[in-house]
Each structure stands twice: as C-alpha cells, then as structure tokens.
Amino acid sequence: MTVSEDQYKTFSKSRQRYELSHYFYAFLSDKLKKYKIEHLDHTEFMNDMEEWLKEIEWLQSEFEASMDEYGE
C-alpha cells in the first residue's frame, strides 16, 4: 500500500486519519479477498478490524472527522 505524501501533507491530522484509515480498510479487505487465505473468515476478520480501528479513532465518518478538525 502506498500513498502520495504530497497529497496528505496538505491535510489536517483529522483529514489524514480519515483518508488513510478508509483507504487502508478498503485495501486490506480487497487484498484478503484476492488472496483467499486458508482458514480465514474474511467477514469476521474485517468486522474485528473495523471495531479495532474505531477503538483507536480511525474509520470515523466524514462528519466526525470534520468536527475533529475544528478541535485541532
């Protein structure tokens, strides 16, 4: 997974977190589907990943991320 530093350096921290977390989540989901890891329940894993990412304040909604920008 790669991202353009030039694009992200202009974003606020909240916007960076929002963009990167959603990109990461979609990227991971697509790769796990593509490579079909034996004995891995994709849906369960991605549900757990989503829960964990939300616990660390990633995968916020766009509204939540924009509200956080006002606090920065």
N, C-alpha and C. Protein backbone atom coordinates (compact mmCIF):
# COMPACT_ATOMS: atom_id res chain seq x y z
N MET A 1 0.85 -1.17 0.00
CA MET A 1 0.00 0.00 0.00
C MET A 1 0.90 1.23 0.00
N THR A 2 0.65 2.13 -0.91
CA THR A 2 1.40 3.38 -0.97
C THR A 2 0.43 4.54 -1.12
N VAL A 3 0.83 5.65 -0.60
CA VAL A 3 0.05 6.89 -0.74
C VAL A 3 1.02 8.02 -1.07
N SER A 4 0.48 9.06 -1.64
CA SER A 4 1.29 10.21 -2.01
C SER A 4 1.43 11.15 -0.81
N GLU A 5 2.66 11.33 -0.37
CA GLU A 5 2.91 12.25 0.74
C GLU A 5 2.49 13.67 0.37
N ASP A 6 2.70 14.04 -0.88
CA ASP A 6 2.33 15.38 -1.33
C ASP A 6 0.85 15.66 -1.13
N GLN A 7 0.04 14.65 -1.38
CA GLN A 7 -1.40 14.82 -1.20
C GLN A 7 -1.76 14.97 0.27
N TYR A 8 -1.20 14.10 1.11
CA TYR A 8 -1.60 14.06 2.51
C TYR A 8 -1.00 15.17 3.36
N LYS A 9 0.13 15.71 2.99
CA LYS A 9 0.77 16.73 3.84
C LYS A 9 -0.03 18.03 3.88
N THR A 10 -0.93 18.22 2.92
CA THR A 10 -1.76 19.42 2.93
C THR A 10 -3.02 19.26 3.79
N PHE A 11 -3.30 18.02 4.21
CA PHE A 11 -4.49 17.75 5.02
C PHE A 11 -4.23 18.01 6.50
N SER A 12 -5.28 18.31 7.23
CA SER A 12 -5.18 18.37 8.69
C SER A 12 -4.94 16.95 9.20
N LYS A 13 -4.54 16.82 10.46
CA LYS A 13 -4.33 15.49 11.03
C LYS A 13 -5.61 14.67 10.99
N SER A 14 -6.72 15.30 11.28
CA SER A 14 -8.01 14.59 11.26
C SER A 14 -8.34 14.10 9.86
N ARG A 15 -8.09 14.94 8.87
CA ARG A 15 -8.37 14.54 7.49
C ARG A 15 -7.43 13.44 7.03
N GLN A 16 -6.16 13.52 7.43
CA GLN A 16 -5.20 12.47 7.12
C GLN A 16 -5.68 11.14 7.70
N ARG A 17 -6.06 11.16 8.96
CA ARG A 17 -6.53 9.95 9.64
C ARG A 17 -7.75 9.38 8.93
N TYR A 18 -8.69 10.25 8.57
CA TYR A 18 -9.90 9.81 7.88
C TYR A 18 -9.55 9.16 6.54
N GLU A 19 -8.78 9.85 5.72
CA GLU A 19 -8.45 9.35 4.39
C GLU A 19 -7.64 8.05 4.46
N LEU A 20 -6.60 8.05 5.29
CA LEU A 20 -5.74 6.87 5.39
C LEU A 20 -6.48 5.66 5.95
N SER A 21 -7.30 5.87 6.96
CA SER A 21 -7.99 4.74 7.58
C SER A 21 -8.98 4.09 6.62
N HIS A 22 -9.71 4.89 5.87
CA HIS A 22 -10.67 4.32 4.92
C HIS A 22 -9.94 3.66 3.74
N TYR A 23 -8.85 4.26 3.31
CA TYR A 23 -8.05 3.67 2.23
C TYR A 23 -7.46 2.34 2.70
N PHE A 24 -6.90 2.33 3.90
CA PHE A 24 -6.30 1.12 4.46
C PHE A 24 -7.34 0.01 4.59
N TYR A 25 -8.50 0.34 5.13
CA TYR A 25 -9.55 -0.66 5.35
C TYR A 25 -9.99 -1.28 4.01
N ALA A 26 -10.23 -0.47 3.01
CA ALA A 26 -10.64 -0.97 1.69
C ALA A 26 -9.52 -1.79 1.05
N PHE A 27 -8.29 -1.30 1.16
CA PHE A 27 -7.13 -2.00 0.61
C PHE A 27 -6.99 -3.38 1.23
N LEU A 28 -7.04 -3.45 2.55
CA LEU A 28 -6.90 -4.72 3.26
C LEU A 28 -8.01 -5.69 2.89
N SER A 29 -9.22 -5.20 2.86
CA SER A 29 -10.36 -6.05 2.50
C SER A 29 -10.20 -6.63 1.10
N ASP A 30 -9.83 -5.80 0.15
CA ASP A 30 -9.64 -6.25 -1.23
C ASP A 30 -8.53 -7.29 -1.33
N LYS A 31 -7.42 -7.06 -0.64
CA LYS A 31 -6.29 -7.99 -0.72
C LYS A 31 -6.64 -9.33 -0.08
N LEU A 32 -7.35 -9.30 1.03
CA LEU A 32 -7.73 -10.56 1.68
C LEU A 32 -8.69 -11.36 0.81
N LYS A 33 -9.57 -10.68 0.10
CA LYS A 33 -10.47 -11.37 -0.83
C LYS A 33 -9.68 -11.96 -1.99
N LYS A 34 -8.73 -11.21 -2.49
CA LYS A 34 -7.95 -11.62 -3.66
C LYS A 34 -7.11 -12.86 -3.36
N TYR A 35 -6.45 -12.87 -2.21
CA TYR A 35 -5.51 -13.95 -1.91
C TYR A 35 -6.13 -15.12 -1.16
N LYS A 36 -7.37 -14.97 -0.70
CA LYS A 36 -8.12 -16.07 -0.09
C LYS A 36 -7.25 -16.91 0.86
N ILE A 37 -6.93 -16.35 1.99
CA ILE A 37 -6.11 -17.01 3.00
C ILE A 37 -6.90 -18.15 3.62
N GLU A 38 -6.31 -19.33 3.60
CA GLU A 38 -6.97 -20.52 4.11
C GLU A 38 -7.30 -20.36 5.60
N HIS A 39 -8.47 -20.78 5.99
CA HIS A 39 -8.97 -20.78 7.37
C HIS A 39 -9.20 -19.37 7.92
N LEU A 40 -9.25 -18.39 7.06
CA LEU A 40 -9.54 -17.02 7.50
C LEU A 40 -10.97 -16.67 7.10
N ASP A 41 -11.76 -16.35 8.08
CA ASP A 41 -13.12 -15.89 7.82
C ASP A 41 -13.02 -14.39 7.53
N HIS A 42 -13.08 -14.05 6.26
CA HIS A 42 -12.88 -12.67 5.82
C HIS A 42 -13.84 -11.71 6.52
N THR A 43 -15.11 -12.06 6.56
CA THR A 43 -16.12 -11.17 7.15
C THR A 43 -15.86 -10.95 8.63
N GLU A 44 -15.59 -12.02 9.35
CA GLU A 44 -15.32 -11.90 10.79
C GLU A 44 -14.06 -11.07 11.04
N PHE A 45 -13.02 -11.34 10.25
CA PHE A 45 -11.77 -10.61 10.41
C PHE A 45 -11.97 -9.12 10.15
N MET A 46 -12.68 -8.80 9.08
CA MET A 46 -12.89 -7.39 8.74
C MET A 46 -13.80 -6.70 9.76
N ASN A 47 -14.75 -7.42 10.31
CA ASN A 47 -15.58 -6.84 11.38
C ASN A 47 -14.73 -6.53 12.60
N ASP A 48 -13.84 -7.47 12.96
CA ASP A 48 -12.92 -7.23 14.08
C ASP A 48 -11.98 -6.07 13.79
N MET A 49 -11.49 -6.01 12.55
CA MET A 49 -10.59 -4.92 12.16
C MET A 49 -11.31 -3.58 12.26
N GLU A 50 -12.54 -3.54 11.78
CA GLU A 50 -13.33 -2.30 11.85
C GLU A 50 -13.52 -1.86 13.30
N GLU A 51 -13.85 -2.79 14.17
CA GLU A 51 -14.03 -2.47 15.59
C GLU A 51 -12.75 -1.93 16.20
N TRP A 52 -11.62 -2.58 15.91
CA TRP A 52 -10.34 -2.13 16.44
C TRP A 52 -9.98 -0.75 15.91
N LEU A 53 -10.17 -0.54 14.61
CA LEU A 53 -9.84 0.77 14.03
C LEU A 53 -10.68 1.87 14.66
N LYS A 54 -11.92 1.59 14.94
CA LYS A 54 -12.77 2.59 15.58
C LYS A 54 -12.33 2.85 17.02
N GLU A 55 -11.85 1.81 17.71
CA GLU A 55 -11.35 1.98 19.07
C GLU A 55 -10.17 2.94 19.12
N ILE A 56 -9.35 2.94 18.07
CA ILE A 56 -8.19 3.84 18.04
C ILE A 56 -8.51 5.13 17.29
N GLU A 57 -9.79 5.37 17.11
CA GLU A 57 -10.33 6.59 16.50
C GLU A 57 -9.98 6.73 15.02
N TRP A 58 -9.90 5.59 14.34
CA TRP A 58 -9.82 5.56 12.89
C TRP A 58 -11.19 5.14 12.37
N LEU A 59 -11.38 5.21 11.09
CA LEU A 59 -12.64 4.87 10.43
C LEU A 59 -13.80 5.72 10.93
N GLN A 60 -13.51 6.95 11.24
CA GLN A 60 -14.58 7.87 11.61
C GLN A 60 -15.40 8.20 10.37
N SER A 61 -16.59 8.68 10.62
CA SER A 61 -17.39 9.18 9.50
C SER A 61 -16.77 10.50 9.03
N GLU A 62 -17.14 10.92 7.85
CA GLU A 62 -16.62 12.19 7.34
C GLU A 62 -17.05 13.34 8.26
N PHE A 63 -18.26 13.25 8.79
CA PHE A 63 -18.75 14.27 9.71
C PHE A 63 -17.90 14.31 10.98
N GLU A 64 -17.61 13.15 11.56
CA GLU A 64 -16.78 13.10 12.77
C GLU A 64 -15.39 13.67 12.51
N ALA A 65 -14.83 13.33 11.37
CA ALA A 65 -13.50 13.85 11.03
C ALA A 65 -13.53 15.36 10.86
N SER A 66 -14.58 15.87 10.25
CA SER A 66 -14.65 17.31 10.07
C SER A 66 -14.84 18.03 11.39
N MET A 67 -15.55 17.41 12.32
CA MET A 67 -15.72 18.00 13.65
C MET A 67 -14.39 18.03 14.41
N ASP A 68 -13.59 16.98 14.24
CA ASP A 68 -12.28 16.94 14.88
C ASP A 68 -11.35 18.01 14.34
N GLU A 69 -11.53 18.39 13.09
CA GLU A 69 -10.69 19.45 12.51
C GLU A 69 -10.85 20.76 13.26
N TYR A 70 -12.04 21.02 13.75
CA TYR A 70 -12.27 22.25 14.49
C TYR A 70 -11.56 22.26 15.82
N GLY A 71 -11.27 21.06 16.36
CA GLY A 71 -10.58 20.96 17.64
C GLY A 71 -9.08 21.02 17.52
N GLU A 72 -8.56 20.94 16.29
CA GLU A 72 -7.09 20.96 16.11
C GLU A 72 -6.55 22.36 16.18
